[in-house]
Protein backbone atom coordinates (compact mmCIF):
# COMPACT_ATOMS: atom_id res chain seq x y z
CA UNK A 1 46.71 2.01 23.69
CA UNK A 2 46.06 3.45 20.33
CA UNK A 3 46.57 7.13 19.60
CA UNK A 4 43.22 9.37 19.16
CA UNK A 5 42.17 12.69 18.02
CA UNK A 6 40.96 15.87 19.48
CA UNK A 7 38.73 17.45 16.63
CA UNK A 8 38.40 20.94 17.47
CA UNK A 9 36.02 23.28 15.66
CA UNK A 10 38.22 26.57 14.84
CA UNK A 11 35.91 29.77 15.74
CA UNK A 12 37.92 32.48 14.15
CA UNK A 13 40.31 33.40 11.66
CA UNK A 14 40.71 33.01 8.05
CA UNK A 15 40.02 28.57 9.10
CA UNK A 16 36.72 29.75 11.01
CA UNK A 17 34.34 26.97 10.62
CA UNK A 18 36.71 24.43 9.80
CA UNK A 19 37.81 21.32 11.92
CA UNK A 20 41.37 21.07 13.28
CA UNK A 21 42.90 17.95 14.88
CA UNK A 22 45.25 17.08 17.61
CA UNK A 23 46.89 13.76 18.08
CA UNK A 24 47.24 12.35 21.53
CA UNK A 25 48.65 9.12 22.88
CA UNK A 26 46.20 8.96 25.10
CA UNK A 27 42.83 10.22 25.78
CA UNK A 28 43.65 11.24 29.24
CA UNK A 29 46.03 13.32 27.46
CA UNK A 30 43.66 14.76 24.96
CA UNK A 31 41.03 15.60 27.73
CA UNK A 32 44.11 17.34 29.89
CA UNK A 33 44.85 19.29 26.67
CA UNK A 34 41.14 19.84 26.32
CA UNK A 35 40.85 21.42 29.45
CA UNK A 36 43.77 24.15 28.81
CA UNK A 37 41.77 25.09 26.10
CA UNK A 38 38.13 25.16 27.31
CA UNK A 39 36.38 28.36 27.69
CA UNK A 40 38.69 30.09 25.23
CA UNK A 41 37.39 32.02 22.23
CA UNK A 42 39.91 30.23 19.28
CA UNK A 43 38.38 26.78 19.42
CA UNK A 44 35.03 24.71 20.23
CA UNK A 45 35.74 21.11 21.32
CA UNK A 46 33.75 19.13 19.60
CA UNK A 47 34.79 14.92 19.93
CA UNK A 48 37.89 12.70 20.67
CA UNK A 49 38.05 9.89 17.65
CA UNK A 50 40.04 6.91 17.42
CA UNK A 51 42.44 6.60 14.11
CA UNK A 52 39.70 5.32 12.05
CA UNK A 53 37.75 8.88 12.92
CA UNK A 54 35.15 6.60 15.07
CA UNK A 55 33.93 9.16 18.00
CA UNK A 56 35.01 7.56 21.13
CA UNK A 57 34.00 11.12 23.52
CA UNK A 58 31.12 13.01 21.92
CA UNK A 59 30.82 16.72 22.09
CA UNK A 60 28.47 16.71 25.31
CA UNK A 61 30.52 14.23 27.67
CA UNK A 62 33.57 15.40 26.33
CA UNK A 63 32.79 19.43 27.32
CA UNK A 64 31.51 18.29 30.78
CA UNK A 65 35.08 16.31 31.38
CA UNK A 66 36.97 19.61 30.22
CA UNK A 67 34.60 22.24 32.45
CA UNK A 68 35.63 20.09 35.98
CA UNK A 69 38.61 20.62 37.18
CA UNK A 70 41.70 18.63 37.27
CA UNK A 71 42.27 16.42 40.40
CA UNK A 72 45.24 17.29 41.68
CA UNK A 73 47.42 14.44 43.06
CA UNK A 74 47.24 14.47 47.20
CA UNK A 75 50.89 15.30 48.61
CA UNK A 76 52.45 12.33 50.39
CA UNK A 77 54.37 13.29 53.31
CA UNK A 78 56.99 10.33 54.70
């Protein structure tokens, strides 16, 4: 799996209106981090891109994924 970039729109501060990019080893890691940011006022989640800049997850789908609660793993007792 190739790394992906989480594209964020900066909503406040001196870089307001600019994009910020965070690199992750997988789409799952990027979505997991996006869930932590979702609903905050500092960034808007815009997309997840591959290394060439092509969107692999767009704004609407990314926000749908990040607004849902992360499934908790089942506990198994032995």
